[in-house]
Amino acid sequence: MGPNAAVAAARLKKPSWKDPRLLVGILLVLLSIAGVVALVGTADKTIQVYAARENIAVGQRVTEADFSIVKVRLDGIESSYVTVESGLPSDKVALQRVAKNQLIPQDSLGTADLLNRKPVAISVDEELPTQAVPGARVDVWVAMPGTDRSFAEPELLLPGAEIAQVMEGSTTLGASKTKVVLVLVTDEQMPRLLGAQANDAKVSVVWNPAGLVR
């Protein structure tokens, strides 16, 4: 048998389990399979959480009908949100506004006694800025009435108050329709606002783009 025939015979020889090339090939196959399994396992790490079907206002009592269930990847921060596994707490109200389709933070729900802001209706005659929508921050100014049908210089009463809701007001004898703005007010701020309204003060709402509570 010539040299070339010997080389060809060596190539056609059935590989042994001790053949390094066979072992390397098996190792590469195993690593490839492990990589695919790990990738699939990582991609499937989703969790079921609750999301708001519609906007949820501060103080609103919530039920299961207010939520939908979605699958998301939270990468270790699932404890910050209300999950299906943890269960939906019963007899709770919204402590903060939750927008439509937003996931439900754990600290956004609680008992009514934990509410530190309450919605108060403010009727305004002037046109509201387009930015005055639920969740936006506004400054509420009041001008107290004088003795000669005039008003005193406006004063900033509620800086950076959050809007809970905006509604259409009623018309009176053909007058332009007013707007009713529900703003969230703390117990400390409540007496001054209610006092101004009781004394027929002129109330104005100004958009606060920075959202600052000064």
N, C-alpha and C. Protein backbone atom coordinates (compact mmCIF):
# COMPACT_ATOMS: atom_id res chain seq x y z
N MET A 1 0.85 -1.19 0.00
CA MET A 1 0.00 0.00 0.00
C MET A 1 0.88 1.24 0.00
N GLY A 2 0.61 2.17 -0.95
CA GLY A 2 1.43 3.37 -1.05
C GLY A 2 1.07 4.38 0.03
N PRO A 3 1.87 5.45 0.10
CA PRO A 3 1.62 6.49 1.12
C PRO A 3 0.26 7.12 0.98
N ASN A 4 -0.16 7.41 -0.25
CA ASN A 4 -1.47 8.06 -0.44
C ASN A 4 -2.60 7.15 0.01
N ALA A 5 -2.49 5.88 -0.28
CA ALA A 5 -3.52 4.92 0.12
C ALA A 5 -3.59 4.82 1.63
N ALA A 6 -2.45 4.91 2.30
CA ALA A 6 -2.43 4.82 3.77
C ALA A 6 -3.14 6.02 4.39
N VAL A 7 -2.89 7.22 3.81
CA VAL A 7 -3.54 8.44 4.33
C VAL A 7 -5.03 8.35 4.14
N ALA A 8 -5.49 7.89 2.94
CA ALA A 8 -6.93 7.77 2.66
C ALA A 8 -7.56 6.78 3.61
N ALA A 9 -6.87 5.67 3.89
CA ALA A 9 -7.42 4.67 4.79
C ALA A 9 -7.55 5.22 6.20
N ALA A 10 -6.59 6.08 6.60
CA ALA A 10 -6.65 6.68 7.93
C ALA A 10 -7.84 7.62 8.06
N ARG A 11 -8.13 8.32 6.95
CA ARG A 11 -9.26 9.26 6.97
C ARG A 11 -10.59 8.52 7.04
N LEU A 12 -10.68 7.34 6.39
CA LEU A 12 -11.92 6.59 6.35
C LEU A 12 -12.11 5.72 7.58
N LYS A 13 -11.10 5.63 8.41
CA LYS A 13 -11.17 4.81 9.60
C LYS A 13 -12.19 5.36 10.58
N LYS A 14 -13.06 4.51 11.16
CA LYS A 14 -14.08 4.93 12.12
C LYS A 14 -13.42 5.62 13.31
N PRO A 15 -13.88 6.86 13.65
CA PRO A 15 -13.23 7.59 14.75
C PRO A 15 -13.46 6.91 16.08
N SER A 16 -12.50 7.01 16.94
CA SER A 16 -12.58 6.46 18.28
C SER A 16 -13.15 7.50 19.24
N TRP A 17 -13.77 7.04 20.36
CA TRP A 17 -14.27 7.97 21.37
C TRP A 17 -13.14 8.80 21.97
N LYS A 18 -11.93 8.28 21.81
CA LYS A 18 -10.78 9.01 22.35
C LYS A 18 -10.20 10.00 21.35
N ASP A 19 -10.80 10.06 20.17
CA ASP A 19 -10.32 10.99 19.14
C ASP A 19 -10.61 12.42 19.60
N PRO A 20 -9.59 13.27 19.75
CA PRO A 20 -9.80 14.65 20.22
C PRO A 20 -10.77 15.44 19.34
N ARG A 21 -10.73 15.17 18.03
CA ARG A 21 -11.61 15.91 17.12
C ARG A 21 -13.08 15.60 17.40
N LEU A 22 -13.37 14.33 17.72
CA LEU A 22 -14.74 13.93 18.03
C LEU A 22 -15.20 14.57 19.35
N LEU A 23 -14.31 14.58 20.32
CA LEU A 23 -14.65 15.18 21.62
C LEU A 23 -14.92 16.67 21.49
N VAL A 24 -14.09 17.35 20.70
CA VAL A 24 -14.29 18.78 20.48
C VAL A 24 -15.62 19.04 19.79
N GLY A 25 -15.95 18.19 18.80
CA GLY A 25 -17.22 18.35 18.10
C GLY A 25 -18.41 18.18 19.02
N ILE A 26 -18.35 17.15 19.88
CA ILE A 26 -19.45 16.92 20.83
C ILE A 26 -19.58 18.09 21.79
N LEU A 27 -18.44 18.63 22.26
CA LEU A 27 -18.45 19.76 23.18
C LEU A 27 -19.08 20.99 22.55
N LEU A 28 -18.78 21.23 21.28
CA LEU A 28 -19.35 22.38 20.58
C LEU A 28 -20.86 22.23 20.43
N VAL A 29 -21.32 21.02 20.15
CA VAL A 29 -22.75 20.77 20.02
C VAL A 29 -23.46 21.01 21.35
N LEU A 30 -22.87 20.51 22.44
CA LEU A 30 -23.46 20.69 23.77
C LEU A 30 -23.52 22.16 24.16
N LEU A 31 -22.46 22.89 23.86
CA LEU A 31 -22.45 24.32 24.16
C LEU A 31 -23.50 25.07 23.36
N SER A 32 -23.68 24.67 22.11
CA SER A 32 -24.69 25.31 21.27
C SER A 32 -26.09 25.08 21.83
N ILE A 33 -26.36 23.83 22.24
CA ILE A 33 -27.67 23.50 22.80
C ILE A 33 -27.90 24.28 24.10
N ALA A 34 -26.87 24.33 24.95
CA ALA A 34 -27.00 25.05 26.21
C ALA A 34 -27.29 26.53 25.97
N GLY A 35 -26.63 27.10 24.95
CA GLY A 35 -26.86 28.51 24.63
C GLY A 35 -28.29 28.77 24.18
N VAL A 36 -28.81 27.87 23.35
CA VAL A 36 -30.19 28.03 22.88
C VAL A 36 -31.17 27.91 24.03
N VAL A 37 -30.96 26.93 24.92
CA VAL A 37 -31.84 26.75 26.08
C VAL A 37 -31.81 27.98 26.98
N ALA A 38 -30.61 28.52 27.21
CA ALA A 38 -30.49 29.71 28.05
C ALA A 38 -31.19 30.90 27.43
N LEU A 39 -31.05 31.05 26.11
CA LEU A 39 -31.69 32.17 25.42
C LEU A 39 -33.21 32.08 25.50
N VAL A 40 -33.73 30.87 25.26
CA VAL A 40 -35.18 30.67 25.33
C VAL A 40 -35.67 30.91 26.74
N GLY A 41 -34.92 30.42 27.74
CA GLY A 41 -35.34 30.61 29.13
C GLY A 41 -35.36 32.07 29.52
N THR A 42 -34.38 32.84 29.05
CA THR A 42 -34.34 34.27 29.35
C THR A 42 -35.48 35.00 28.68
N ALA A 43 -35.78 34.64 27.44
CA ALA A 43 -36.84 35.33 26.70
C ALA A 43 -38.21 35.04 27.30
N ASP A 44 -38.34 33.91 28.04
CA ASP A 44 -39.64 33.52 28.57
C ASP A 44 -39.84 33.99 30.01
N LYS A 45 -38.94 34.81 30.55
CA LYS A 45 -39.06 35.27 31.92
C LYS A 45 -40.01 36.45 32.01
N THR A 46 -41.27 36.19 31.69
CA THR A 46 -42.29 37.22 31.81
C THR A 46 -43.13 36.93 33.04
N ILE A 47 -43.84 37.97 33.49
CA ILE A 47 -44.67 37.83 34.68
C ILE A 47 -45.99 38.53 34.42
N GLN A 48 -47.06 38.02 35.00
CA GLN A 48 -48.37 38.62 34.84
C GLN A 48 -48.58 39.71 35.88
N VAL A 49 -48.90 40.91 35.41
CA VAL A 49 -49.14 42.04 36.31
C VAL A 49 -50.44 42.72 35.91
N TYR A 50 -50.93 43.57 36.82
CA TYR A 50 -52.15 44.32 36.54
C TYR A 50 -51.82 45.68 35.92
N ALA A 51 -52.68 46.10 34.99
CA ALA A 51 -52.57 47.43 34.36
C ALA A 51 -53.94 48.08 34.39
N ALA A 52 -53.96 49.41 34.35
CA ALA A 52 -55.21 50.15 34.43
C ALA A 52 -55.95 50.09 33.09
N ARG A 53 -57.23 49.71 33.11
CA ARG A 53 -58.03 49.71 31.89
C ARG A 53 -58.30 51.14 31.42
N GLU A 54 -58.59 52.02 32.37
CA GLU A 54 -58.83 53.44 32.10
C GLU A 54 -58.08 54.25 33.14
N ASN A 55 -58.09 55.58 33.00
CA ASN A 55 -57.44 56.42 33.99
C ASN A 55 -58.08 56.20 35.36
N ILE A 56 -57.25 56.10 36.38
CA ILE A 56 -57.72 55.92 37.76
C ILE A 56 -57.36 57.18 38.54
N ALA A 57 -58.36 57.83 39.12
CA ALA A 57 -58.15 59.09 39.82
C ALA A 57 -57.83 58.85 41.29
N VAL A 58 -57.16 59.83 41.89
CA VAL A 58 -56.85 59.75 43.32
C VAL A 58 -58.15 59.69 44.12
N GLY A 59 -58.22 58.76 45.04
CA GLY A 59 -59.40 58.60 45.87
C GLY A 59 -60.41 57.63 45.31
N GLN A 60 -60.23 57.21 44.06
CA GLN A 60 -61.19 56.28 43.44
C GLN A 60 -61.06 54.89 44.06
N ARG A 61 -62.21 54.33 44.46
CA ARG A 61 -62.20 52.97 44.97
C ARG A 61 -62.08 52.01 43.79
N VAL A 62 -61.14 51.09 43.87
CA VAL A 62 -60.83 50.25 42.72
C VAL A 62 -61.32 48.83 42.97
N THR A 63 -61.70 48.18 41.89
CA THR A 63 -62.09 46.77 41.91
C THR A 63 -61.35 46.05 40.79
N GLU A 64 -61.52 44.75 40.72
CA GLU A 64 -60.84 43.96 39.69
C GLU A 64 -61.25 44.41 38.29
N ALA A 65 -62.47 44.96 38.16
CA ALA A 65 -62.95 45.39 36.85
C ALA A 65 -62.16 46.59 36.32
N ASP A 66 -61.42 47.28 37.17
CA ASP A 66 -60.64 48.44 36.75
C ASP A 66 -59.30 48.05 36.13
N PHE A 67 -58.97 46.76 36.16
CA PHE A 67 -57.65 46.34 35.73
C PHE A 67 -57.72 45.26 34.64
N SER A 68 -56.69 45.22 33.85
CA SER A 68 -56.47 44.14 32.91
C SER A 68 -55.17 43.44 33.30
N ILE A 69 -54.96 42.25 32.75
CA ILE A 69 -53.75 41.48 33.05
C ILE A 69 -52.85 41.46 31.82
N VAL A 70 -51.59 41.82 32.02
CA VAL A 70 -50.63 41.83 30.92
C VAL A 70 -49.38 41.06 31.34
N LYS A 71 -48.67 40.55 30.33
CA LYS A 71 -47.40 39.87 30.57
C LYS A 71 -46.25 40.79 30.21
N VAL A 72 -45.34 40.99 31.15
CA VAL A 72 -44.20 41.87 30.92
C VAL A 72 -42.95 41.27 31.56
N ARG A 73 -41.81 41.79 31.15
CA ARG A 73 -40.53 41.45 31.80
C ARG A 73 -40.16 42.58 32.73
N LEU A 74 -40.01 42.28 34.01
CA LEU A 74 -39.70 43.31 35.00
C LEU A 74 -38.27 43.20 35.52
N ASP A 75 -37.57 42.14 35.15
CA ASP A 75 -36.14 41.99 35.47
C ASP A 75 -35.83 42.28 36.94
N GLY A 76 -36.57 41.63 37.84
CA GLY A 76 -36.22 41.72 39.25
C GLY A 76 -36.91 42.83 40.03
N ILE A 77 -37.74 43.66 39.38
CA ILE A 77 -38.40 44.75 40.11
C ILE A 77 -39.90 44.48 40.25
N GLU A 78 -40.29 43.18 40.12
CA GLU A 78 -41.71 42.86 40.19
C GLU A 78 -42.32 43.20 41.55
N SER A 79 -41.50 43.28 42.60
CA SER A 79 -42.03 43.61 43.93
C SER A 79 -42.56 45.04 43.99
N SER A 80 -42.21 45.87 42.99
CA SER A 80 -42.68 47.26 42.97
C SER A 80 -44.08 47.39 42.38
N TYR A 81 -44.59 46.32 41.78
CA TYR A 81 -45.88 46.39 41.09
C TYR A 81 -46.83 45.31 41.61
N VAL A 82 -48.11 45.52 41.35
CA VAL A 82 -49.12 44.55 41.76
C VAL A 82 -49.16 43.43 40.73
N THR A 83 -48.75 42.24 41.14
CA THR A 83 -48.71 41.10 40.23
C THR A 83 -49.90 40.19 40.48
N VAL A 84 -50.19 39.36 39.49
CA VAL A 84 -51.27 38.39 39.64
C VAL A 84 -50.92 37.38 40.73
N GLU A 85 -49.66 37.04 40.82
CA GLU A 85 -49.22 36.07 41.83
C GLU A 85 -49.44 36.61 43.24
N SER A 86 -49.11 37.90 43.46
CA SER A 86 -49.29 38.49 44.79
C SER A 86 -50.76 38.75 45.10
N GLY A 87 -51.58 38.89 44.06
CA GLY A 87 -53.01 39.09 44.27
C GLY A 87 -53.38 40.57 44.34
N LEU A 88 -54.60 40.86 43.93
CA LEU A 88 -55.09 42.23 43.94
C LEU A 88 -55.68 42.54 45.31
N PRO A 89 -55.17 43.57 46.00
CA PRO A 89 -55.71 43.88 47.33
C PRO A 89 -57.16 44.34 47.24
N SER A 90 -57.96 43.97 48.22
CA SER A 90 -59.38 44.32 48.21
C SER A 90 -59.63 45.57 49.06
N ASP A 91 -60.77 46.22 48.77
CA ASP A 91 -61.21 47.38 49.54
C ASP A 91 -60.11 48.46 49.59
N LYS A 92 -59.56 48.80 48.42
CA LYS A 92 -58.50 49.80 48.34
C LYS A 92 -58.93 50.98 47.49
N VAL A 93 -58.29 52.12 47.71
CA VAL A 93 -58.50 53.30 46.88
C VAL A 93 -57.16 53.69 46.27
N ALA A 94 -57.23 54.50 45.22
CA ALA A 94 -56.00 54.97 44.56
C ALA A 94 -55.41 56.12 45.38
N LEU A 95 -54.17 55.98 45.77
CA LEU A 95 -53.47 57.03 46.51
C LEU A 95 -52.76 58.00 45.57
N GLN A 96 -52.60 57.59 44.33
CA GLN A 96 -52.02 58.44 43.31
C GLN A 96 -52.67 58.11 41.97
N ARG A 97 -52.58 59.04 41.05
CA ARG A 97 -53.22 58.83 39.75
C ARG A 97 -52.46 57.77 38.96
N VAL A 98 -53.21 56.89 38.31
CA VAL A 98 -52.63 55.87 37.44
C VAL A 98 -53.25 56.05 36.06
N ALA A 99 -52.42 56.28 35.07
CA ALA A 99 -52.90 56.52 33.72
C ALA A 99 -53.33 55.22 33.05
N LYS A 100 -54.16 55.35 32.03
CA LYS A 100 -54.64 54.20 31.27
C LYS A 100 -53.46 53.38 30.72
N ASN A 101 -53.55 52.07 30.86
CA ASN A 101 -52.55 51.09 30.39
C ASN A 101 -51.27 51.10 31.22
N GLN A 102 -51.19 51.91 32.26
CA GLN A 102 -49.99 51.93 33.10
C GLN A 102 -50.04 50.77 34.09
N LEU A 103 -48.87 50.18 34.38
CA LEU A 103 -48.80 49.14 35.39
C LEU A 103 -49.12 49.75 36.76
N ILE A 104 -49.59 48.92 37.68
CA ILE A 104 -50.06 49.41 38.97
C ILE A 104 -48.95 49.31 40.01
N PRO A 105 -48.36 50.45 40.42
CA PRO A 105 -47.35 50.39 41.47
C PRO A 105 -47.97 49.95 42.80
N GLN A 106 -47.20 49.23 43.59
CA GLN A 106 -47.69 48.77 44.88
C GLN A 106 -48.13 49.93 45.76
N ASP A 107 -47.36 51.04 45.74
CA ASP A 107 -47.68 52.15 46.64
C ASP A 107 -48.76 53.07 46.10
N SER A 108 -49.38 52.71 44.95
CA SER A 108 -50.45 53.54 44.41
C SER A 108 -51.81 53.17 44.99
N LEU A 109 -51.88 52.04 45.70
CA LEU A 109 -53.14 51.60 46.29
C LEU A 109 -53.00 51.53 47.80
N GLY A 110 -54.08 51.88 48.49
CA GLY A 110 -54.07 51.82 49.94
C GLY A 110 -55.46 52.07 50.50
N THR A 111 -55.53 52.22 51.80
CA THR A 111 -56.81 52.48 52.45
C THR A 111 -57.12 53.98 52.42
N ALA A 112 -58.39 54.31 52.53
CA ALA A 112 -58.83 55.70 52.40
C ALA A 112 -58.18 56.61 53.44
N ASP A 113 -57.87 56.08 54.60
CA ASP A 113 -57.29 56.93 55.65
C ASP A 113 -55.86 57.37 55.33
N LEU A 114 -55.26 56.76 54.31
CA LEU A 114 -53.90 57.14 53.92
C LEU A 114 -53.88 58.29 52.92
N LEU A 115 -55.05 58.69 52.42
CA LEU A 115 -55.10 59.80 51.46
C LEU A 115 -54.66 61.09 52.15
N ASN A 116 -53.65 61.73 51.60
CA ASN A 116 -53.20 63.01 52.16
C ASN A 116 -53.61 64.20 51.31
N ARG A 117 -54.34 63.92 50.21
CA ARG A 117 -54.88 64.99 49.37
C ARG A 117 -56.30 64.62 48.96
N LYS A 118 -57.15 65.63 48.92
CA LYS A 118 -58.55 65.38 48.57
C LYS A 118 -58.94 66.29 47.41
N PRO A 119 -59.77 65.80 46.48
CA PRO A 119 -60.16 66.63 45.33
C PRO A 119 -61.19 67.68 45.73
N VAL A 120 -60.93 68.92 45.29
CA VAL A 120 -61.85 70.03 45.54
C VAL A 120 -62.19 70.66 44.19
N ALA A 121 -63.47 70.93 43.96
CA ALA A 121 -63.92 71.51 42.70
C ALA A 121 -63.71 73.01 42.69
N ILE A 122 -63.08 73.50 41.62
CA ILE A 122 -62.87 74.93 41.42
C ILE A 122 -63.49 75.30 40.08
N SER A 123 -64.45 76.24 40.10
CA SER A 123 -65.08 76.71 38.86
C SER A 123 -64.31 77.90 38.33
N VAL A 124 -63.96 77.83 37.06
CA VAL A 124 -63.21 78.92 36.44
C VAL A 124 -63.94 79.36 35.18
N ASP A 125 -63.97 80.66 34.95
CA ASP A 125 -64.66 81.21 33.78
C ASP A 125 -63.73 81.39 32.59
N GLU A 126 -62.45 81.63 32.85
CA GLU A 126 -61.53 81.87 31.75
C GLU A 126 -61.16 80.55 31.07
N GLU A 127 -60.64 80.70 29.86
CA GLU A 127 -60.23 79.51 29.09
C GLU A 127 -59.02 78.87 29.76
N LEU A 128 -59.09 77.55 29.92
CA LEU A 128 -57.98 76.83 30.52
C LEU A 128 -56.90 76.55 29.47
N PRO A 129 -55.65 76.54 29.88
CA PRO A 129 -54.60 76.15 28.92
C PRO A 129 -54.78 74.70 28.51
N THR A 130 -54.35 74.37 27.30
CA THR A 130 -54.52 73.00 26.81
C THR A 130 -53.74 72.00 27.65
N GLN A 131 -52.74 72.48 28.35
CA GLN A 131 -51.93 71.58 29.17
C GLN A 131 -52.61 71.22 30.49
N ALA A 132 -53.73 71.87 30.81
CA ALA A 132 -54.43 71.61 32.07
C ALA A 132 -55.27 70.34 31.93
N VAL A 133 -54.62 69.23 32.11
CA VAL A 133 -55.27 67.92 31.98
C VAL A 133 -54.99 67.13 33.27
N PRO A 134 -55.75 66.06 33.51
CA PRO A 134 -55.48 65.25 34.70
C PRO A 134 -54.02 64.83 34.80
N GLY A 135 -53.46 65.03 35.98
CA GLY A 135 -52.06 64.70 36.21
C GLY A 135 -51.14 65.89 36.09
N ALA A 136 -51.59 66.96 35.41
CA ALA A 136 -50.76 68.16 35.26
C ALA A 136 -50.76 68.97 36.56
N ARG A 137 -49.76 69.82 36.70
CA ARG A 137 -49.64 70.67 37.88
C ARG A 137 -50.03 72.11 37.51
N VAL A 138 -50.79 72.74 38.39
CA VAL A 138 -51.22 74.11 38.16
C VAL A 138 -51.04 74.92 39.45
N ASP A 139 -50.90 76.23 39.27
CA ASP A 139 -50.91 77.16 40.39
C ASP A 139 -52.31 77.76 40.49
N VAL A 140 -52.86 77.78 41.68
CA VAL A 140 -54.20 78.34 41.90
C VAL A 140 -54.04 79.70 42.59
N TRP A 141 -54.51 80.74 41.90
CA TRP A 141 -54.45 82.11 42.41
C TRP A 141 -55.85 82.56 42.81
N VAL A 142 -55.93 83.35 43.86
CA VAL A 142 -57.23 83.88 44.29
C VAL A 142 -57.12 85.40 44.48
N ALA A 143 -58.20 86.09 44.13
CA ALA A 143 -58.31 87.53 44.36
C ALA A 143 -59.57 87.74 45.19
N MET A 144 -59.40 88.23 46.40
CA MET A 144 -60.54 88.42 47.28
C MET A 144 -61.35 89.65 46.84
N PRO A 145 -62.67 89.59 46.99
CA PRO A 145 -63.52 90.72 46.57
C PRO A 145 -63.33 91.92 47.48
N GLY A 146 -63.40 93.13 46.86
CA GLY A 146 -63.31 94.37 47.63
C GLY A 146 -64.69 94.90 47.97
N THR A 147 -64.74 96.12 48.44
CA THR A 147 -66.02 96.72 48.85
C THR A 147 -66.71 97.43 47.71
N ASP A 148 -66.03 97.71 46.61
CA ASP A 148 -66.61 98.47 45.50
C ASP A 148 -66.69 97.61 44.23
N ARG A 149 -66.99 96.33 44.40
CA ARG A 149 -67.12 95.39 43.29
C ARG A 149 -65.80 95.14 42.56
N SER A 150 -64.74 95.55 43.15
CA SER A 150 -63.42 95.26 42.59
C SER A 150 -62.81 94.09 43.36
N PHE A 151 -61.66 93.67 42.91
CA PHE A 151 -60.99 92.57 43.58
C PHE A 151 -59.58 92.99 44.00
N ALA A 152 -59.14 92.42 45.09
CA ALA A 152 -57.79 92.70 45.57
C ALA A 152 -56.77 92.04 44.64
N GLU A 153 -55.51 92.37 44.84
CA GLU A 153 -54.44 91.80 44.02
C GLU A 153 -54.40 90.28 44.23
N PRO A 154 -54.32 89.51 43.14
CA PRO A 154 -54.31 88.05 43.27
C PRO A 154 -53.12 87.57 44.11
N GLU A 155 -53.37 86.51 44.85
CA GLU A 155 -52.33 85.87 45.65
C GLU A 155 -52.25 84.39 45.28
N LEU A 156 -51.03 83.86 45.30
CA LEU A 156 -50.84 82.44 45.02
C LEU A 156 -51.27 81.63 46.23
N LEU A 157 -52.32 80.85 46.04
CA LEU A 157 -52.87 80.08 47.16
C LEU A 157 -52.39 78.63 47.15
N LEU A 158 -52.44 78.00 45.99
CA LEU A 158 -52.03 76.59 45.88
C LEU A 158 -50.94 76.46 44.82
N PRO A 159 -49.69 76.41 45.20
CA PRO A 159 -48.63 76.24 44.19
C PRO A 159 -48.46 74.77 43.82
N GLY A 160 -48.40 74.49 42.52
CA GLY A 160 -48.12 73.15 42.05
C GLY A 160 -49.16 72.12 42.43
N ALA A 161 -50.45 72.50 42.45
CA ALA A 161 -51.51 71.54 42.78
C ALA A 161 -51.74 70.60 41.58
N GLU A 162 -52.01 69.35 41.87
CA GLU A 162 -52.23 68.37 40.80
C GLU A 162 -53.70 68.34 40.40
N ILE A 163 -53.96 68.33 39.10
CA ILE A 163 -55.33 68.22 38.60
C ILE A 163 -55.77 66.76 38.64
N ALA A 164 -56.93 66.52 39.25
CA ALA A 164 -57.49 65.18 39.28
C ALA A 164 -58.44 64.96 38.12
N GLN A 165 -59.19 66.01 37.73
CA GLN A 165 -60.17 65.86 36.67
C GLN A 165 -60.58 67.24 36.18
N VAL A 166 -60.98 67.33 34.92
CA VAL A 166 -61.52 68.57 34.34
C VAL A 166 -62.88 68.24 33.75
N MET A 167 -63.88 69.03 34.12
CA MET A 167 -65.25 68.76 33.65
C MET A 167 -65.86 70.04 33.10
N GLU A 168 -66.85 69.86 32.26
CA GLU A 168 -67.60 71.00 31.74
C GLU A 168 -68.56 71.50 32.81
N GLY A 169 -68.61 72.82 32.95
CA GLY A 169 -69.54 73.42 33.90
C GLY A 169 -70.88 73.70 33.24
N SER A 170 -71.70 74.46 33.92
CA SER A 170 -73.04 74.79 33.40
C SER A 170 -73.05 76.21 32.86
N THR A 171 -74.05 76.49 32.04
CA THR A 171 -74.22 77.84 31.51
C THR A 171 -75.35 78.54 32.27
N THR A 172 -75.24 79.85 32.36
CA THR A 172 -76.25 80.63 33.07
C THR A 172 -76.69 81.80 32.21
N LEU A 173 -77.95 81.79 31.77
CA LEU A 173 -78.53 82.89 30.99
C LEU A 173 -77.65 83.28 29.80
N GLY A 174 -77.21 82.28 29.08
CA GLY A 174 -76.43 82.53 27.88
C GLY A 174 -74.98 82.85 28.12
N ALA A 175 -74.56 82.82 29.37
CA ALA A 175 -73.15 83.11 29.66
C ALA A 175 -72.28 81.95 29.15
N SER A 176 -71.01 82.22 28.95
CA SER A 176 -70.10 81.18 28.47
C SER A 176 -70.01 80.06 29.50
N LYS A 177 -69.83 78.87 29.00
CA LYS A 177 -69.78 77.71 29.87
C LYS A 177 -68.50 77.72 30.69
N THR A 178 -68.63 77.47 31.98
CA THR A 178 -67.47 77.44 32.85
C THR A 178 -66.83 76.05 32.80
N LYS A 179 -65.65 75.99 33.37
CA LYS A 179 -64.96 74.71 33.54
C LYS A 179 -64.88 74.42 35.03
N VAL A 180 -64.98 73.18 35.37
CA VAL A 180 -64.81 72.75 36.76
C VAL A 180 -63.55 71.91 36.83
N VAL A 181 -62.61 72.38 37.61
CA VAL A 181 -61.33 71.69 37.75
C VAL A 181 -61.26 71.09 39.15
N LEU A 182 -61.06 69.80 39.22
CA LEU A 182 -60.85 69.15 40.51
C LEU A 182 -59.35 69.12 40.78
N VAL A 183 -58.95 69.81 41.84
CA VAL A 183 -57.53 69.82 42.21
C VAL A 183 -57.37 69.11 43.54
N LEU A 184 -56.21 68.51 43.72
CA LEU A 184 -55.94 67.76 44.94
C LEU A 184 -55.35 68.71 45.98
N VAL A 185 -56.00 68.76 47.14
CA VAL A 185 -55.64 69.73 48.17
C VAL A 185 -55.36 69.00 49.48
N THR A 186 -54.29 69.41 50.17
CA THR A 186 -53.98 68.81 51.47
C THR A 186 -54.88 69.41 52.54
N ASP A 187 -54.96 68.75 53.68
CA ASP A 187 -55.77 69.25 54.78
C ASP A 187 -55.28 70.60 55.27
N GLU A 188 -53.96 70.83 55.19
CA GLU A 188 -53.41 72.11 55.64
C GLU A 188 -53.84 73.25 54.71
N GLN A 189 -53.96 72.97 53.42
CA GLN A 189 -54.34 74.00 52.45
C GLN A 189 -55.85 74.22 52.38
N MET A 190 -56.61 73.24 52.84
CA MET A 190 -58.06 73.25 52.66
C MET A 190 -58.76 74.49 53.22
N PRO A 191 -58.49 74.91 54.47
CA PRO A 191 -59.25 76.05 55.02
C PRO A 191 -59.15 77.31 54.18
N ARG A 192 -57.97 77.64 53.68
CA ARG A 192 -57.81 78.87 52.91
C ARG A 192 -58.58 78.82 51.60
N LEU A 193 -58.53 77.65 50.93
CA LEU A 193 -59.25 77.54 49.66
C LEU A 193 -60.76 77.60 49.88
N LEU A 194 -61.25 76.85 50.86
CA LEU A 194 -62.69 76.86 51.12
C LEU A 194 -63.15 78.23 51.60
N GLY A 195 -62.30 78.91 52.36
CA GLY A 195 -62.65 80.26 52.81
C GLY A 195 -62.73 81.24 51.65
N ALA A 196 -61.79 81.13 50.70
CA ALA A 196 -61.82 82.01 49.54
C ALA A 196 -63.06 81.75 48.70
N GLN A 197 -63.42 80.49 48.51
CA GLN A 197 -64.61 80.18 47.74
C GLN A 197 -65.88 80.66 48.44
N ALA A 198 -65.92 80.54 49.75
CA ALA A 198 -67.10 80.97 50.51
C ALA A 198 -67.28 82.48 50.45
N ASN A 199 -66.19 83.21 50.23
CA ASN A 199 -66.26 84.67 50.17
C ASN A 199 -66.27 85.18 48.73
N ASP A 200 -66.64 84.31 47.79
CA ASP A 200 -66.79 84.69 46.37
C ASP A 200 -65.52 85.28 45.77
N ALA A 201 -64.39 84.74 46.15
CA ALA A 201 -63.13 85.19 45.56
C ALA A 201 -63.07 84.76 44.10
N LYS A 202 -62.33 85.52 43.29
CA LYS A 202 -62.09 85.15 41.90
C LYS A 202 -60.91 84.19 41.88
N VAL A 203 -61.14 83.00 41.36
CA VAL A 203 -60.12 81.95 41.36
C VAL A 203 -59.62 81.73 39.93
N SER A 204 -58.31 81.70 39.77
CA SER A 204 -57.69 81.47 38.47
C SER A 204 -56.73 80.29 38.57
N VAL A 205 -56.68 79.53 37.49
CA VAL A 205 -55.80 78.36 37.43
C VAL A 205 -54.76 78.61 36.35
N VAL A 206 -53.50 78.51 36.71
CA VAL A 206 -52.39 78.78 35.79
C VAL A 206 -51.52 77.53 35.70
N TRP A 207 -51.27 77.10 34.48
CA TRP A 207 -50.44 75.91 34.28
C TRP A 207 -49.05 76.13 34.83
N ASN A 208 -48.55 75.16 35.58
CA ASN A 208 -47.21 75.19 36.15
C ASN A 208 -46.36 74.19 35.39
N PRO A 209 -45.65 74.61 34.34
CA PRO A 209 -44.92 73.65 33.47
C PRO A 209 -43.83 72.88 34.20
N ALA A 210 -43.25 73.48 35.24
CA ALA A 210 -42.19 72.78 35.97
C ALA A 210 -42.74 71.83 37.00
N GLY A 211 -44.04 71.96 37.31
CA GLY A 211 -44.65 71.09 38.31
C GLY A 211 -44.13 71.34 39.71
N LEU A 212 -43.65 72.56 39.94
CA LEU A 212 -43.02 72.86 41.23
C LEU A 212 -44.05 73.16 42.29
N VAL A 213 -43.80 72.63 43.48
CA VAL A 213 -44.60 72.97 44.66
C VAL A 213 -43.74 73.88 45.51
N ARG A 214 -43.95 75.18 45.39
CA ARG A 214 -43.06 76.14 46.05
C ARG A 214 -43.48 76.36 47.50
